[in-house]
Amino acid sequence: MTTTEHDRARMRAYYRANREKMLAYNKAYRKAHPEKFAYKAATSTEMKLKRSAYYRKYYAKHREKLRAYHNAWIAARPGYYKRYRNKT
């Protein structure tokens, strides 16, 4: 099922009219159901540092393989970076 432009406009108008009410409801829901939002704990500073250390170690161990893959990927897509660099 796709959302039509009419439906999106209706939802935007509803949100604008009831923004505070919706934000309060969402805040209360998140507080009442912390198990559904456990992914937030996985983004703690400690976890980010742990993940970062893992990826640095992995890259150091597989550097040549990863560089060869990256170079092959770039060779298969000539002009990719040039095309997308100017869009930002």
C-alpha atoms as a PDB file:
ATOM      1  CA  MET A   1       0.000   0.000   0.000  1.00  0.00           C
ATOM      2  CA  THR A   2       1.440   3.335  -0.979  1.00  0.00           C
ATOM      3  CA  THR A   3       0.720   6.662   0.616  1.00  0.00           C
ATOM      4  CA  THR A   4      -0.760   9.207  -1.725  1.00  0.00           C
ATOM      5  CA  GLU A   5       0.213  12.864  -1.782  1.00  0.00           C
ATOM      6  CA  HIS A   6      -3.220  13.690  -0.376  1.00  0.00           C
ATOM      7  CA  ASP A   7      -2.651  11.367   2.611  1.00  0.00           C
ATOM      8  CA  ARG A   8       0.822  12.796   3.264  1.00  0.00           C
ATOM      9  CA  ALA A   9      -0.582  16.332   3.222  1.00  0.00           C
ATOM     10  CA  ARG A  10      -3.332  15.305   5.628  1.00  0.00           C
ATOM     11  CA  MET A  11      -0.821  13.697   8.017  1.00  0.00           C
ATOM     12  CA  ARG A  12       1.455  16.763   7.895  1.00  0.00           C
ATOM     13  CA  ALA A  13      -1.490  19.036   8.685  1.00  0.00           C
ATOM     14  CA  TYR A  14      -2.551  16.790  11.584  1.00  0.00           C
ATOM     15  CA  TYR A  15       0.982  16.785  12.989  1.00  0.00           C
ATOM     16  CA  ARG A  16       1.229  20.567  12.770  1.00  0.00           C
ATOM     17  CA  ALA A  17      -2.115  20.956  14.551  1.00  0.00           C
ATOM     18  CA  ASN A  18      -1.338  18.381  17.278  1.00  0.00           C
ATOM     19  CA  ARG A  19       2.435  18.512  17.593  1.00  0.00           C
ATOM     20  CA  GLU A  20       2.665  19.006  21.370  1.00  0.00           C
ATOM     21  CA  LYS A  21       0.069  16.336  22.041  1.00  0.00           C
ATOM     22  CA  MET A  22       1.890  13.814  19.834  1.00  0.00           C
ATOM     23  CA  LEU A  23       5.292  14.583  21.354  1.00  0.00           C
ATOM     24  CA  ALA A  24       3.920  14.132  24.883  1.00  0.00           C
ATOM     25  CA  TYR A  25       2.272  10.833  23.920  1.00  0.00           C
ATOM     26  CA  ASN A  26       5.478   9.531  22.335  1.00  0.00           C
ATOM     27  CA  LYS A  27       7.538  10.522  25.367  1.00  0.00           C
ATOM     28  CA  ALA A  28       5.130   8.746  27.731  1.00  0.00           C
ATOM     29  CA  TYR A  29       5.079   5.657  25.494  1.00  0.00           C
ATOM     30  CA  ARG A  30       8.882   5.444  25.390  1.00  0.00           C
ATOM     31  CA  LYS A  31       9.017   5.748  29.166  1.00  0.00           C
ATOM     32  CA  ALA A  32       6.369   3.035  29.633  1.00  0.00           C
ATOM     33  CA  HIS A  33       7.990   0.603  27.151  1.00  0.00           C
ATOM     34  CA  PRO A  34      11.766   0.834  27.619  1.00  0.00           C
ATOM     35  CA  GLU A  35      12.320  -2.693  26.274  1.00  0.00           C
ATOM     36  CA  LYS A  36      11.206  -1.558  22.816  1.00  0.00           C
ATOM     37  CA  PHE A  37      13.861   1.145  22.810  1.00  0.00           C
ATOM     38  CA  ALA A  38      16.829  -0.881  24.058  1.00  0.00           C
ATOM     39  CA  TYR A  39      18.782   0.008  20.914  1.00  0.00           C
ATOM     40  CA  LYS A  40      19.586   3.343  22.548  1.00  0.00           C
ATOM     41  CA  ALA A  41      21.773   1.536  25.071  1.00  0.00           C
ATOM     42  CA  ALA A  42      23.775   0.033  22.213  1.00  0.00           C
ATOM     43  CA  THR A  43      24.763   3.516  21.076  1.00  0.00           C
ATOM     44  CA  SER A  44      26.379   4.469  24.356  1.00  0.00           C
ATOM     45  CA  THR A  45      29.874   5.941  24.276  1.00  0.00           C
ATOM     46  CA  GLU A  46      31.332   2.733  25.649  1.00  0.00           C
ATOM     47  CA  MET A  47      29.761   0.641  22.899  1.00  0.00           C
ATOM     48  CA  LYS A  48      30.862   3.092  20.207  1.00  0.00           C
ATOM     49  CA  LEU A  49      34.443   2.918  21.435  1.00  0.00           C
ATOM     50  CA  LYS A  50      34.307  -0.874  21.595  1.00  0.00           C
ATOM     51  CA  ARG A  51      32.904  -1.111  18.059  1.00  0.00           C
ATOM     52  CA  SER A  52      35.441   1.396  16.781  1.00  0.00           C
ATOM     53  CA  ALA A  53      38.317  -0.599  18.280  1.00  0.00           C
ATOM     54  CA  TYR A  54      36.969  -3.775  16.693  1.00  0.00           C
ATOM     55  CA  TYR A  55      36.772  -2.179  13.227  1.00  0.00           C
ATOM     56  CA  ARG A  56      40.275  -0.690  13.504  1.00  0.00           C
ATOM     57  CA  LYS A  57      41.651  -4.094  14.472  1.00  0.00           C
ATOM     58  CA  TYR A  58      39.708  -5.795  11.642  1.00  0.00           C
ATOM     59  CA  TYR A  59      40.972  -3.264   9.096  1.00  0.00           C
ATOM     60  CA  ALA A  60      44.561  -3.678  10.264  1.00  0.00           C
ATOM     61  CA  LYS A  61      44.270  -7.431   9.891  1.00  0.00           C
ATOM     62  CA  HIS A  62      42.534  -7.387   6.466  1.00  0.00           C
ATOM     63  CA  ARG A  63      43.949  -4.169   5.026  1.00  0.00           C
ATOM     64  CA  GLU A  64      45.139  -5.543   1.679  1.00  0.00           C
ATOM     65  CA  LYS A  65      41.931  -7.467   1.026  1.00  0.00           C
ATOM     66  CA  LEU A  66      39.763  -4.439   1.854  1.00  0.00           C
ATOM     67  CA  ARG A  67      41.858  -2.079  -0.278  1.00  0.00           C
ATOM     68  CA  ALA A  68      41.689  -4.481  -3.229  1.00  0.00           C
ATOM     69  CA  TYR A  69      37.901  -4.705  -2.845  1.00  0.00           C
ATOM     70  CA  HIS A  70      37.606  -0.921  -2.626  1.00  0.00           C
ATOM     71  CA  ASN A  71      39.791  -0.369  -5.701  1.00  0.00           C
ATOM     72  CA  ALA A  72      37.788  -2.953  -7.670  1.00  0.00           C
ATOM     73  CA  TRP A  73      34.548  -1.266  -6.621  1.00  0.00           C
ATOM     74  CA  ILE A  74      35.822   2.120  -7.783  1.00  0.00           C
ATOM     75  CA  ALA A  75      37.105   0.663 -11.073  1.00  0.00           C
ATOM     76  CA  ALA A  76      33.670  -0.832 -11.753  1.00  0.00           C
ATOM     77  CA  ARG A  77      32.035   2.585 -11.272  1.00  0.00           C
ATOM     78  CA  PRO A  78      34.050   5.199 -13.157  1.00  0.00           C
ATOM     79  CA  GLY A  79      33.157   8.758 -12.248  1.00  0.00           C
ATOM     80  CA  TYR A  80      31.131   7.741  -9.171  1.00  0.00           C
ATOM     81  CA  TYR A  81      32.834  10.063  -6.720  1.00  0.00           C
ATOM     82  CA  LYS A  82      33.045  12.886  -9.207  1.00  0.00           C
ATOM     83  CA  ARG A  83      29.308  12.598  -9.868  1.00  0.00           C
ATOM     84  CA  TYR A  84      28.222  12.579  -6.220  1.00  0.00           C
ATOM     85  CA  ARG A  85      30.806  14.896  -4.723  1.00  0.00           C
ATOM     86  CA  ASN A  86      29.229  17.920  -6.419  1.00  0.00           C
ATOM     87  CA  LYS A  87      25.698  17.159  -5.126  1.00  0.00           C
ATOM     88  CA  THR A  88      26.451  18.132  -1.518  1.00  0.00           C
END
